[in-house]
Amino acid sequence: MERLRWEPDADADPTTYTYTFGGVAPVASVRPGTVISTWTMDCFGGRVRSTTDMASEVCDPRLLNPQSGPFYVEGTVPGDTLAVHFVSIKPREAWGVSSTVPFFGALTATPVTAMLHTALLERTWIYEIDHHDGVVRYMAADTPFTAALPLDPMHGTVGVAPPLGEARSSLTPGSWGGNMDTPEMRAGVTCYLGVNVDGALMSLGDGHARQGEGETCGVAVECAMDTTFILDVLPGYATEWPRLESDDFLMTTGSARPLEDAFRIAHQQMVFWLAELTGMSHIDSYQFVSQASLTPIANVVDTNYTVVCKIPKSLVPGVVAMAGMHDRLRRAASA
């Protein structure tokens, strides 16, 4: 099994980092089955480091969510599916940061939800990441309230180059993946992405030490992340929208506005997937998904919202998804 270690240049001019899916030359070329170890910057590029740093003052809004990659996967062509299996996702530092950003978030006016009221108070919170105890320590800014929240590292952005030769902002999720911001994107999970260009051009970033479902204020516990993952390919198998598979769940995603359209895409994709896996008709699969699915909301803050549809594998015993790719990659990871 081939291995690659690739690291971004933390001292480079921030304008030289990658902030899009598509439109960027690959940083490395790898064969299917390669294990890649890398690290990713936090969404602010390391520029917000204390409670006195305000994102609106120290960050250029055009330069958010820097990506590591893209990686060119040799022999991969449009119509294939890229499998990204996360072996490990670990915060690089002992701290993370969150904030409220003016006119950004689910409970405030935004540029596309125009209101007359002024922006909410801008604040920055620094979280201690306790690796030993496996918690993220929250400290309220205005009162003595504290809480130990479970450490649950994940990647907000995982994706490939979009179709039609487009370059899309790393703040946006879509059929190519991108800024889906789902806590389901954690270690032990395999993400399946439809390939739109030769080599797929996969990249990732936006590490979160933890995030509540919905990412309500728009900012999770953001942190630099050390990540190891395996890239492999399902040739000739097209995937319209990103899918995820864990040991316990099959998951589909949809990203759109309004939120109900993201819901519809995720559930439509699960209906189609289960019909394919079980031989059910679409109408029978629709009925089954209606009674069996779980629907965590990934984000309601990005330029598109993301919804996840989950089906427990225990409800479809014997079903093997994606030609058994997840189980193969799990075994490779353990080796």
C-alpha atoms as a PDB file:
ATOM      1  CA  MET A   1       0.000   0.000   0.000  1.00  0.00           C
ATOM      2  CA  GLU A   2       1.471   3.320  -1.081  1.00  0.00           C
ATOM      3  CA  ARG A   3       1.703   6.225   1.347  1.00  0.00           C
ATOM      4  CA  LEU A   4       1.986   9.965   0.859  1.00  0.00           C
ATOM      5  CA  ARG A   5       2.707  12.712   3.374  1.00  0.00           C
ATOM      6  CA  TRP A   6       1.727  16.163   2.147  1.00  0.00           C
ATOM      7  CA  GLU A   7       1.744  19.338   4.256  1.00  0.00           C
ATOM      8  CA  PRO A   8       0.608  22.881   3.453  1.00  0.00           C
ATOM      9  CA  ASP A   9       3.101  25.685   3.908  1.00  0.00           C
ATOM     10  CA  ALA A  10       1.911  27.453   7.056  1.00  0.00           C
ATOM     11  CA  ASP A  11       4.208  30.414   6.328  1.00  0.00           C
ATOM     12  CA  ALA A  12       3.036  31.013   2.755  1.00  0.00           C
ATOM     13  CA  ASP A  13       1.083  34.061   1.654  1.00  0.00           C
ATOM     14  CA  PRO A  14      -2.562  33.223   2.544  1.00  0.00           C
ATOM     15  CA  THR A  15      -3.642  34.325  -0.932  1.00  0.00           C
ATOM     16  CA  THR A  16      -1.745  31.330  -2.337  1.00  0.00           C
ATOM     17  CA  TYR A  17      -3.807  28.758  -0.436  1.00  0.00           C
ATOM     18  CA  THR A  18      -6.638  26.872  -2.130  1.00  0.00           C
ATOM     19  CA  TYR A  19     -10.133  28.261  -1.467  1.00  0.00           C
ATOM     20  CA  THR A  20     -12.111  26.502  -4.183  1.00  0.00           C
ATOM     21  CA  PHE A  21     -13.135  23.078  -5.396  1.00  0.00           C
ATOM     22  CA  GLY A  22     -12.045  22.985  -9.017  1.00  0.00           C
ATOM     23  CA  GLY A  23      -9.932  25.490 -10.893  1.00  0.00           C
ATOM     24  CA  VAL A  24      -6.710  24.608  -9.034  1.00  0.00           C
ATOM     25  CA  ALA A  25      -3.773  22.444 -10.118  1.00  0.00           C
ATOM     26  CA  PRO A  26      -3.180  19.303  -8.035  1.00  0.00           C
ATOM     27  CA  VAL A  27      -0.512  19.308  -5.346  1.00  0.00           C
ATOM     28  CA  ALA A  28       0.226  15.599  -5.829  1.00  0.00           C
ATOM     29  CA  SER A  29      -0.696  12.621  -7.991  1.00  0.00           C
ATOM     30  CA  VAL A  30      -1.539   9.327  -6.287  1.00  0.00           C
ATOM     31  CA  ARG A  31      -2.668   5.859  -7.256  1.00  0.00           C
ATOM     32  CA  PRO A  32      -5.960   4.392  -6.041  1.00  0.00           C
ATOM     33  CA  GLY A  33      -5.449   2.784  -2.646  1.00  0.00           C
ATOM     34  CA  THR A  34      -2.915   5.364  -1.461  1.00  0.00           C
ATOM     35  CA  VAL A  35      -2.871   6.344   2.215  1.00  0.00           C
ATOM     36  CA  ILE A  36      -2.491  10.121   2.534  1.00  0.00           C
ATOM     37  CA  SER A  37      -1.438  11.886   5.717  1.00  0.00           C
ATOM     38  CA  THR A  38      -1.778  15.641   5.845  1.00  0.00           C
ATOM     39  CA  TRP A  39      -2.844  18.501   8.057  1.00  0.00           C
ATOM     40  CA  THR A  40      -5.364  21.209   7.423  1.00  0.00           C
ATOM     41  CA  MET A  41      -5.564  24.783   8.663  1.00  0.00           C
ATOM     42  CA  ASP A  42      -8.595  25.986  10.567  1.00  0.00           C
ATOM     43  CA  CYS A  43     -11.254  27.889   8.655  1.00  0.00           C
ATOM     44  CA  PHE A  44      -9.657  31.232   9.591  1.00  0.00           C
ATOM     45  CA  GLY A  45      -6.193  30.180   8.417  1.00  0.00           C
ATOM     46  CA  GLY A  46      -4.837  30.537  11.956  1.00  0.00           C
ATOM     47  CA  ARG A  47      -5.593  34.273  12.101  1.00  0.00           C
ATOM     48  CA  VAL A  48      -8.082  34.092  15.012  1.00  0.00           C
ATOM     49  CA  ARG A  49      -6.119  33.010  18.085  1.00  0.00           C
ATOM     50  CA  SER A  50      -7.520  34.898  21.085  1.00  0.00           C
ATOM     51  CA  THR A  51     -10.789  36.311  22.395  1.00  0.00           C
ATOM     52  CA  THR A  52      -9.652  39.760  21.259  1.00  0.00           C
ATOM     53  CA  ASP A  53      -9.299  38.647  17.620  1.00  0.00           C
ATOM     54  CA  MET A  54     -12.511  39.323  15.689  1.00  0.00           C
ATOM     55  CA  ALA A  55     -12.873  37.376  12.457  1.00  0.00           C
ATOM     56  CA  SER A  56     -14.357  40.366  10.627  1.00  0.00           C
ATOM     57  CA  GLU A  57     -11.254  42.408  11.481  1.00  0.00           C
ATOM     58  CA  VAL A  58      -8.389  39.938  10.980  1.00  0.00           C
ATOM     59  CA  CYS A  59      -9.730  37.821   8.084  1.00  0.00           C
ATOM     60  CA  ASP A  60     -10.424  38.557   4.447  1.00  0.00           C
ATOM     61  CA  PRO A  61     -13.908  37.074   3.792  1.00  0.00           C
ATOM     62  CA  ARG A  62     -12.653  35.849   0.416  1.00  0.00           C
ATOM     63  CA  LEU A  63      -9.946  33.787   2.119  1.00  0.00           C
ATOM     64  CA  LEU A  64     -11.803  31.391   4.411  1.00  0.00           C
ATOM     65  CA  ASN A  65     -11.782  27.582   4.583  1.00  0.00           C
ATOM     66  CA  PRO A  66      -8.291  26.957   3.125  1.00  0.00           C
ATOM     67  CA  GLN A  67      -8.069  23.471   1.646  1.00  0.00           C
ATOM     68  CA  SER A  68      -5.328  20.851   1.658  1.00  0.00           C
ATOM     69  CA  GLY A  69      -5.019  19.443  -1.834  1.00  0.00           C
ATOM     70  CA  PRO A  70      -6.293  18.880  -4.394  1.00  0.00           C
ATOM     71  CA  PHE A  71      -5.019  15.346  -4.957  1.00  0.00           C
ATOM     72  CA  TYR A  72      -5.086  13.860  -8.458  1.00  0.00           C
ATOM     73  CA  VAL A  73      -6.105  10.184  -8.385  1.00  0.00           C
ATOM     74  CA  GLU A  74      -4.514   8.431 -11.350  1.00  0.00           C
ATOM     75  CA  GLY A  75      -6.811   6.648 -13.790  1.00  0.00           C
ATOM     76  CA  THR A  76      -9.966   8.218 -12.347  1.00  0.00           C
ATOM     77  CA  VAL A  77     -12.403   9.592 -14.940  1.00  0.00           C
ATOM     78  CA  PRO A  78     -15.868  11.164 -14.978  1.00  0.00           C
ATOM     79  CA  GLY A  79     -18.521   8.576 -14.201  1.00  0.00           C
ATOM     80  CA  ASP A  80     -16.396   6.895 -11.515  1.00  0.00           C
ATOM     81  CA  THR A  81     -16.918   7.259  -7.771  1.00  0.00           C
ATOM     82  CA  LEU A  82     -14.098   8.303  -5.448  1.00  0.00           C
ATOM     83  CA  ALA A  83     -14.068   6.683  -2.006  1.00  0.00           C
ATOM     84  CA  VAL A  84     -12.468   8.691   0.812  1.00  0.00           C
ATOM     85  CA  HIS A  85     -12.008   6.618   3.970  1.00  0.00           C
ATOM     86  CA  PHE A  86     -11.000   8.536   7.089  1.00  0.00           C
ATOM     87  CA  VAL A  87      -8.500   6.541   9.119  1.00  0.00           C
ATOM     88  CA  SER A  88      -7.913   9.229  11.755  1.00  0.00           C
ATOM     89  CA  ILE A  89      -8.921  12.854  12.359  1.00  0.00           C
ATOM     90  CA  LYS A  90      -7.154  14.507  15.299  1.00  0.00           C
ATOM     91  CA  PRO A  91      -6.933  18.168  16.404  1.00  0.00           C
ATOM     92  CA  ARG A  92      -3.413  19.414  15.811  1.00  0.00           C
ATOM     93  CA  GLU A  93      -3.357  21.810  18.769  1.00  0.00           C
ATOM     94  CA  ALA A  94      -4.758  21.934  22.305  1.00  0.00           C
ATOM     95  CA  TRP A  95      -7.192  24.706  21.432  1.00  0.00           C
ATOM     96  CA  GLY A  96     -10.001  25.563  19.058  1.00  0.00           C
ATOM     97  CA  VAL A  97     -11.919  28.734  18.296  1.00  0.00           C
ATOM     98  CA  SER A  98     -15.507  29.713  17.622  1.00  0.00           C
ATOM     99  CA  SER A  99     -17.202  33.027  17.035  1.00  0.00           C
ATOM    100  CA  THR A 100     -20.231  34.956  15.982  1.00  0.00           C
ATOM    101  CA  VAL A 101     -19.670  36.737  12.688  1.00  0.00           C
ATOM    102  CA  PRO A 102     -21.722  39.779  11.622  1.00  0.00           C
ATOM    103  CA  PHE A 103     -24.668  38.825   9.412  1.00  0.00           C
ATOM    104  CA  PHE A 104     -23.752  35.144   9.321  1.00  0.00           C
ATOM    105  CA  GLY A 105     -25.561  32.276  11.044  1.00  0.00           C
ATOM    106  CA  ALA A 106     -29.015  30.750  11.344  1.00  0.00           C
ATOM    107  CA  LEU A 107     -30.469  33.155  13.932  1.00  0.00           C
ATOM    108  CA  THR A 108     -29.505  36.510  12.449  1.00  0.00           C
ATOM    109  CA  ALA A 109     -30.093  38.536   9.322  1.00  0.00           C
ATOM    110  CA  THR A 110     -27.831  37.584   6.409  1.00  0.00           C
ATOM    111  CA  PRO A 111     -27.185  39.094   2.976  1.00  0.00           C
ATOM    112  CA  VAL A 112     -29.850  36.794   1.497  1.00  0.00           C
ATOM    113  CA  THR A 113     -32.269  37.161   4.432  1.00  0.00           C
ATOM    114  CA  ALA A 114     -32.415  40.935   4.515  1.00  0.00           C
ATOM    115  CA  MET A 115     -33.643  42.564   7.725  1.00  0.00           C
ATOM    116  CA  LEU A 116     -33.486  46.083   9.180  1.00  0.00           C
ATOM    117  CA  HIS A 117     -31.855  45.188  12.496  1.00  0.00           C
ATOM    118  CA  THR A 118     -28.149  45.580  13.147  1.00  0.00           C
ATOM    119  CA  ALA A 119     -25.710  42.693  13.365  1.00  0.00           C
ATOM    120  CA  LEU A 120     -25.554  40.536  16.456  1.00  0.00           C
ATOM    121  CA  LEU A 121     -22.683  41.162  18.844  1.00  0.00           C
ATOM    122  CA  GLU A 122     -19.427  39.785  17.453  1.00  0.00           C
ATOM    123  CA  ARG A 123     -17.610  37.572  19.938  1.00  0.00           C
ATOM    124  CA  THR A 124     -14.774  35.045  19.935  1.00  0.00           C
ATOM    125  CA  TRP A 125     -14.544  32.003  22.212  1.00  0.00           C
ATOM    126  CA  ILE A 126     -11.402  29.930  22.743  1.00  0.00           C
ATOM    127  CA  TYR A 127     -11.954  26.282  23.646  1.00  0.00           C
ATOM    128  CA  GLU A 128      -9.462  24.046  25.415  1.00  0.00           C
ATOM    129  CA  ILE A 129      -9.129  20.710  23.621  1.00  0.00           C
ATOM    130  CA  ASP A 130      -8.314  18.080  26.239  1.00  0.00           C
ATOM    131  CA  HIS A 131      -6.961  15.108  24.301  1.00  0.00           C
ATOM    132  CA  HIS A 132      -6.423  13.019  27.450  1.00  0.00           C
ATOM    133  CA  ASP A 133     -10.024  13.298  28.680  1.00  0.00           C
ATOM    134  CA  GLY A 134     -11.498  13.462  25.181  1.00  0.00           C
ATOM    135  CA  VAL A 135     -13.427  16.676  25.763  1.00  0.00           C
ATOM    136  CA  VAL A 136     -13.715  20.220  24.452  1.00  0.00           C
ATOM    137  CA  ARG A 137     -14.014  22.725  27.301  1.00  0.00           C
ATOM    138  CA  TYR A 138     -16.518  25.546  26.835  1.00  0.00           C
ATOM    139  CA  MET A 139     -16.307  28.759  28.895  1.00  0.00           C
ATOM    140  CA  ALA A 140     -19.090  31.311  28.652  1.00  0.00           C
ATOM    141  CA  ALA A 141     -17.930  34.854  27.939  1.00  0.00           C
ATOM    142  CA  ASP A 142     -20.367  36.712  30.224  1.00  0.00           C
ATOM    143  CA  THR A 143     -20.883  34.314  33.167  1.00  0.00           C
ATOM    144  CA  PRO A 144     -18.885  31.652  35.040  1.00  0.00           C
ATOM    145  CA  PHE A 145     -20.739  28.843  33.203  1.00  0.00           C
ATOM    146  CA  THR A 146     -18.506  26.051  31.871  1.00  0.00           C
ATOM    147  CA  ALA A 147     -19.128  22.671  30.245  1.00  0.00           C
ATOM    148  CA  ALA A 148     -17.096  19.701  29.047  1.00  0.00           C
ATOM    149  CA  LEU A 149     -18.365  18.673  25.605  1.00  0.00           C
ATOM    150  CA  PRO A 150     -17.339  15.371  23.987  1.00  0.00           C
ATOM    151  CA  LEU A 151     -14.448  15.682  21.538  1.00  0.00           C
ATOM    152  CA  ASP A 152     -15.806  14.580  18.145  1.00  0.00           C
ATOM    153  CA  PRO A 153     -13.392  15.622  15.358  1.00  0.00           C
ATOM    154  CA  MET A 154     -14.710  15.899  11.813  1.00  0.00           C
ATOM    155  CA  HIS A 155     -14.080  17.707   8.530  1.00  0.00           C
ATOM    156  CA  GLY A 156     -16.504  20.374   7.366  1.00  0.00           C
ATOM    157  CA  THR A 157     -15.189  20.365   3.797  1.00  0.00           C
ATOM    158  CA  VAL A 158     -14.519  17.249   1.712  1.00  0.00           C
ATOM    159  CA  GLY A 159     -15.026  17.281  -2.023  1.00  0.00           C
ATOM    160  CA  VAL A 160     -13.897  16.942  -5.621  1.00  0.00           C
ATOM    161  CA  ALA A 161     -13.859  19.313  -8.598  1.00  0.00           C
ATOM    162  CA  PRO A 162     -17.449  20.200  -9.614  1.00  0.00           C
ATOM    163  CA  PRO A 163     -18.988  19.352 -12.990  1.00  0.00           C
ATOM    164  CA  LEU A 164     -19.011  21.622 -16.049  1.00  0.00           C
ATOM    165  CA  GLY A 165     -15.491  22.854 -15.409  1.00  0.00           C
ATOM    166  CA  GLU A 166     -16.677  25.064 -12.574  1.00  0.00           C
ATOM    167  CA  ALA A 167     -14.661  26.330  -9.612  1.00  0.00           C
ATOM    168  CA  ARG A 168     -16.819  26.685  -6.517  1.00  0.00           C
ATOM    169  CA  SER A 169     -16.024  28.405  -3.240  1.00  0.00           C
ATOM    170  CA  SER A 170     -14.897  26.221  -0.347  1.00  0.00           C
ATOM    171  CA  LEU A 171     -17.720  27.877   1.622  1.00  0.00           C
ATOM    172  CA  THR A 172     -20.322  26.168  -0.581  1.00  0.00           C
ATOM    173  CA  PRO A 173     -21.629  22.574  -0.565  1.00  0.00           C
ATOM    174  CA  GLY A 174     -23.153  20.875  -3.592  1.00  0.00           C
ATOM    175  CA  SER A 175     -23.182  17.675  -5.616  1.00  0.00           C
ATOM    176  CA  TRP A 176     -19.362  17.673  -5.528  1.00  0.00           C
ATOM    177  CA  GLY A 177     -19.326  17.639  -1.700  1.00  0.00           C
ATOM    178  CA  GLY A 178     -17.619  20.773  -0.445  1.00  0.00           C
ATOM    179  CA  ASN A 179     -18.635  22.588   2.733  1.00  0.00           C
ATOM    180  CA  MET A 180     -21.281  20.095   3.871  1.00  0.00           C
ATOM    181  CA  ASP A 181     -20.448  20.644   7.570  1.00  0.00           C
ATOM    182  CA  THR A 182     -21.890  17.325   8.711  1.00  0.00           C
ATOM    183  CA  PRO A 183     -20.616  15.845  11.995  1.00  0.00           C
ATOM    184  CA  GLU A 184     -21.000  12.455  10.287  1.00  0.00           C
ATOM    185  CA  MET A 185     -17.698  13.122   8.454  1.00  0.00           C
ATOM    186  CA  ARG A 186     -15.596  11.579  11.228  1.00  0.00           C
ATOM    187  CA  ALA A 187     -12.904   8.890  11.520  1.00  0.00           C
ATOM    188  CA  GLY A 188     -14.072   5.428  10.489  1.00  0.00           C
ATOM    189  CA  VAL A 189     -16.445   6.799   7.844  1.00  0.00           C
ATOM    190  CA  THR A 190     -16.169   6.405   4.073  1.00  0.00           C
ATOM    191  CA  CYS A 191     -17.358   9.283   1.884  1.00  0.00           C
ATOM    192  CA  TYR A 192     -18.343   8.537  -1.724  1.00  0.00           C
ATOM    193  CA  LEU A 193     -18.065  11.367  -4.260  1.00  0.00           C
ATOM    194  CA  GLY A 194     -19.023  11.309  -7.920  1.00  0.00           C
ATOM    195  CA  VAL A 195     -16.058  12.105 -10.187  1.00  0.00           C
ATOM    196  CA  ASN A 196     -16.558  14.988 -12.610  1.00  0.00           C
ATOM    197  CA  VAL A 197     -13.066  15.547 -14.043  1.00  0.00           C
ATOM    198  CA  ASP A 198     -10.054  13.378 -14.760  1.00  0.00           C
ATOM    199  CA  GLY A 199      -8.221  12.657 -11.516  1.00  0.00           C
ATOM    200  CA  ALA A 200     -11.196  13.736  -9.355  1.00  0.00           C
ATOM    201  CA  LEU A 201      -9.109  16.537  -7.701  1.00  0.00           C
ATOM    202  CA  MET A 202     -10.103  15.806  -4.105  1.00  0.00           C
ATOM    203  CA  SER A 203      -9.344  18.205  -1.277  1.00  0.00           C
ATOM    204  CA  LEU A 204     -10.409  18.744   2.335  1.00  0.00           C
ATOM    205  CA  GLY A 205     -10.252  21.214   5.203  1.00  0.00           C
ATOM    206  CA  ASP A 206     -12.379  23.073   7.759  1.00  0.00           C
ATOM    207  CA  GLY A 207     -11.545  20.835  10.722  1.00  0.00           C
ATOM    208  CA  HIS A 208     -13.951  20.907  13.676  1.00  0.00           C
ATOM    209  CA  ALA A 209     -13.093  19.562  17.118  1.00  0.00           C
ATOM    210  CA  ARG A 210     -16.834  19.227  17.454  1.00  0.00           C
ATOM    211  CA  GLN A 211     -19.964  20.748  15.976  1.00  0.00           C
ATOM    212  CA  GLY A 212     -23.638  20.652  16.861  1.00  0.00           C
ATOM    213  CA  GLU A 213     -25.999  19.502  14.117  1.00  0.00           C
ATOM    214  CA  GLY A 214     -26.989  22.538  12.069  1.00  0.00           C
ATOM    215  CA  GLU A 215     -23.902  24.593  13.023  1.00  0.00           C
ATOM    216  CA  THR A 216     -26.416  27.183  14.208  1.00  0.00           C
ATOM    217  CA  CYS A 217     -24.174  30.233  14.740  1.00  0.00           C
ATOM    218  CA  GLY A 218     -22.215  29.374  11.590  1.00  0.00           C
ATOM    219  CA  VAL A 219     -18.943  28.534  13.332  1.00  0.00           C
ATOM    220  CA  ALA A 220     -18.051  25.215  14.979  1.00  0.00           C
ATOM    221  CA  VAL A 221     -15.087  24.612  17.312  1.00  0.00           C
ATOM    222  CA  GLU A 222     -12.639  25.335  14.507  1.00  0.00           C
ATOM    223  CA  CYS A 223      -9.141  23.887  14.632  1.00  0.00           C
ATOM    224  CA  ALA A 224      -6.179  22.749  12.597  1.00  0.00           C
ATOM    225  CA  MET A 225      -6.414  19.000  12.022  1.00  0.00           C
ATOM    226  CA  ASP A 226      -4.019  16.083  11.493  1.00  0.00           C
ATOM    227  CA  THR A 227      -5.774  13.668   9.166  1.00  0.00           C
ATOM    228  CA  THR A 228      -5.017  10.347   7.531  1.00  0.00           C
ATOM    229  CA  PHE A 229      -7.272   8.970   4.812  1.00  0.00           C
ATOM    230  CA  ILE A 230      -7.279   6.407   2.008  1.00  0.00           C
ATOM    231  CA  LEU A 231      -8.384   7.208  -1.544  1.00  0.00           C
ATOM    232  CA  ASP A 232      -9.819   4.480  -3.739  1.00  0.00           C
ATOM    233  CA  VAL A 233     -12.046   4.295  -6.796  1.00  0.00           C
ATOM    234  CA  LEU A 234     -15.197   2.504  -7.953  1.00  0.00           C
ATOM    235  CA  PRO A 235     -14.708   2.537 -11.747  1.00  0.00           C
ATOM    236  CA  GLY A 236     -17.798   3.073 -13.861  1.00  0.00           C
ATOM    237  CA  TYR A 237     -20.079   3.612 -10.875  1.00  0.00           C
ATOM    238  CA  ALA A 238     -21.642   7.065 -10.925  1.00  0.00           C
ATOM    239  CA  THR A 239     -22.764   8.778  -7.718  1.00  0.00           C
ATOM    240  CA  GLU A 240     -25.005  11.797  -8.201  1.00  0.00           C
ATOM    241  CA  TRP A 241     -24.744  13.221  -4.648  1.00  0.00           C
ATOM    242  CA  PRO A 242     -22.258  12.506  -1.849  1.00  0.00           C
ATOM    243  CA  ARG A 243     -22.893   9.385   0.194  1.00  0.00           C
ATOM    244  CA  LEU A 244     -21.385   8.254   3.472  1.00  0.00           C
ATOM    245  CA  GLU A 245     -21.043   4.831   5.024  1.00  0.00           C
ATOM    246  CA  SER A 246     -20.093   3.922   8.562  1.00  0.00           C
ATOM    247  CA  ASP A 247     -20.064   0.555  10.278  1.00  0.00           C
ATOM    248  CA  ASP A 248     -23.667   1.173  11.361  1.00  0.00           C
ATOM    249  CA  PHE A 249     -25.315   3.460   8.801  1.00  0.00           C
ATOM    250  CA  LEU A 250     -25.843   4.164   5.121  1.00  0.00           C
ATOM    251  CA  MET A 251     -26.142   7.923   4.539  1.00  0.00           C
ATOM    252  CA  THR A 252     -27.062  10.213   1.676  1.00  0.00           C
ATOM    253  CA  THR A 253     -26.762  13.994   1.491  1.00  0.00           C
ATOM    254  CA  GLY A 254     -28.473  16.878  -0.236  1.00  0.00           C
ATOM    255  CA  SER A 255     -27.310  20.498  -0.402  1.00  0.00           C
ATOM    256  CA  ALA A 256     -29.599  23.296  -1.556  1.00  0.00           C
ATOM    257  CA  ARG A 257     -31.725  26.243  -0.515  1.00  0.00           C
ATOM    258  CA  PRO A 258     -34.415  26.268   0.761  1.00  0.00           C
ATOM    259  CA  LEU A 259     -33.818  23.685   3.483  1.00  0.00           C
ATOM    260  CA  GLU A 260     -36.700  21.465   2.361  1.00  0.00           C
ATOM    261  CA  ASP A 261     -35.032  20.999  -1.032  1.00  0.00           C
ATOM    262  CA  ALA A 262     -31.875  19.744   0.698  1.00  0.00           C
ATOM    263  CA  PHE A 263     -34.139  17.375   2.647  1.00  0.00           C
ATOM    264  CA  ARG A 264     -35.800  16.203  -0.565  1.00  0.00           C
ATOM    265  CA  ILE A 265     -32.485  15.516  -2.329  1.00  0.00           C
ATOM    266  CA  ALA A 266     -31.096  13.498   0.603  1.00  0.00           C
ATOM    267  CA  HIS A 267     -34.238  11.376   0.882  1.00  0.00           C
ATOM    268  CA  GLN A 268     -34.668  10.936  -2.877  1.00  0.00           C
ATOM    269  CA  GLN A 269     -31.087   9.700  -3.076  1.00  0.00           C
ATOM    270  CA  MET A 270     -31.680   7.212  -0.249  1.00  0.00           C
ATOM    271  CA  VAL A 271     -34.846   5.937  -1.958  1.00  0.00           C
ATOM    272  CA  PHE A 272     -32.876   5.354  -5.156  1.00  0.00           C
ATOM    273  CA  TRP A 273     -29.905   3.782  -3.335  1.00  0.00           C
ATOM    274  CA  LEU A 274     -31.981   1.323  -1.289  1.00  0.00           C
ATOM    275  CA  ALA A 275     -34.007   0.361  -4.351  1.00  0.00           C
ATOM    276  CA  GLU A 276     -30.744  -0.462  -6.103  1.00  0.00           C
ATOM    277  CA  LEU A 277     -29.358  -2.402  -3.122  1.00  0.00           C
ATOM    278  CA  THR A 278     -32.475  -4.403  -2.258  1.00  0.00           C
ATOM    279  CA  GLY A 279     -34.290  -4.744  -5.579  1.00  0.00           C
ATOM    280  CA  MET A 280     -37.328  -2.910  -4.194  1.00  0.00           C
ATOM    281  CA  SER A 281     -39.368  -0.706  -6.476  1.00  0.00           C
ATOM    282  CA  HIS A 282     -38.959   3.011  -5.973  1.00  0.00           C
ATOM    283  CA  ILE A 283     -42.411   3.302  -4.408  1.00  0.00           C
ATOM    284  CA  ASP A 284     -41.665   0.488  -1.931  1.00  0.00           C
ATOM    285  CA  SER A 285     -38.305   2.037  -1.123  1.00  0.00           C
ATOM    286  CA  TYR A 286     -40.023   5.385  -0.595  1.00  0.00           C
ATOM    287  CA  GLN A 287     -42.349   3.798   1.945  1.00  0.00           C
ATOM    288  CA  PHE A 288     -39.460   2.042   3.721  1.00  0.00           C
ATOM    289  CA  VAL A 289     -37.319   5.186   3.920  1.00  0.00           C
ATOM    290  CA  SER A 290     -40.299   7.123   5.264  1.00  0.00           C
ATOM    291  CA  GLN A 291     -40.550   4.776   8.235  1.00  0.00           C
ATOM    292  CA  ALA A 292     -36.877   3.948   8.842  1.00  0.00           C
ATOM    293  CA  SER A 293     -34.798   7.063   8.209  1.00  0.00           C
ATOM    294  CA  LEU A 294     -33.052   9.429  10.574  1.00  0.00           C
ATOM    295  CA  THR A 295     -32.510  12.976   9.315  1.00  0.00           C
ATOM    296  CA  PRO A 296     -29.791  15.031  11.006  1.00  0.00           C
ATOM    297  CA  ILE A 297     -29.417  18.541   9.641  1.00  0.00           C
ATOM    298  CA  ALA A 298     -25.777  19.198   8.818  1.00  0.00           C
ATOM    299  CA  ASN A 299     -25.838  22.971   8.360  1.00  0.00           C
ATOM    300  CA  VAL A 300     -28.328  25.811   7.943  1.00  0.00           C
ATOM    301  CA  VAL A 301     -25.737  28.564   7.540  1.00  0.00           C
ATOM    302  CA  ASP A 302     -23.712  27.982   4.383  1.00  0.00           C
ATOM    303  CA  THR A 303     -24.508  29.359   0.952  1.00  0.00           C
ATOM    304  CA  ASN A 304     -26.376  26.068   0.500  1.00  0.00           C
ATOM    305  CA  TYR A 305     -27.846  24.082   3.388  1.00  0.00           C
ATOM    306  CA  THR A 306     -27.028  20.373   3.846  1.00  0.00           C
ATOM    307  CA  VAL A 307     -29.275  17.582   5.135  1.00  0.00           C
ATOM    308  CA  VAL A 308     -28.284  13.953   5.776  1.00  0.00           C
ATOM    309  CA  CYS A 309     -30.569  10.913   5.505  1.00  0.00           C
ATOM    310  CA  LYS A 310     -29.459   7.863   7.546  1.00  0.00           C
ATOM    311  CA  ILE A 311     -30.644   4.254   7.419  1.00  0.00           C
ATOM    312  CA  PRO A 312     -29.378   1.803  10.078  1.00  0.00           C
ATOM    313  CA  LYS A 313     -27.644  -1.142   8.440  1.00  0.00           C
ATOM    314  CA  SER A 314     -29.353  -3.395  10.977  1.00  0.00           C
ATOM    315  CA  LEU A 315     -32.633  -2.765   9.125  1.00  0.00           C
ATOM    316  CA  VAL A 316     -31.244  -4.064   5.816  1.00  0.00           C
ATOM    317  CA  PRO A 317     -29.211  -7.134   6.846  1.00  0.00           C
ATOM    318  CA  GLY A 318     -27.113  -8.718   4.148  1.00  0.00           C
ATOM    319  CA  VAL A 319     -27.042  -5.603   1.986  1.00  0.00           C
ATOM    320  CA  VAL A 320     -23.568  -4.784   0.636  1.00  0.00           C
ATOM    321  CA  ALA A 321     -23.174  -1.193  -0.524  1.00  0.00           C
ATOM    322  CA  MET A 322     -20.667   0.171  -3.029  1.00  0.00           C
ATOM    323  CA  ALA A 323     -19.226  -3.289  -3.784  1.00  0.00           C
ATOM    324  CA  GLY A 324     -18.068  -3.643  -0.170  1.00  0.00           C
ATOM    325  CA  MET A 325     -15.671  -0.705  -0.445  1.00  0.00           C
ATOM    326  CA  HIS A 326     -16.193   0.511   3.142  1.00  0.00           C
ATOM    327  CA  ASP A 327     -15.343  -2.868   4.679  1.00  0.00           C
ATOM    328  CA  ARG A 328     -12.270  -3.223   2.456  1.00  0.00           C
ATOM    329  CA  LEU A 329     -10.994   0.190   3.432  1.00  0.00           C
ATOM    330  CA  ARG A 330     -11.698  -0.453   7.124  1.00  0.00           C
ATOM    331  CA  ARG A 331      -9.534  -3.583   6.910  1.00  0.00           C
ATOM    332  CA  ALA A 332      -6.818  -1.644   5.095  1.00  0.00           C
ATOM    333  CA  ALA A 333      -6.923   1.059   7.757  1.00  0.00           C
ATOM    334  CA  SER A 334      -6.581  -1.428  10.578  1.00  0.00           C
ATOM    335  CA  ALA A 335      -3.586  -2.964   8.818  1.00  0.00           C
END
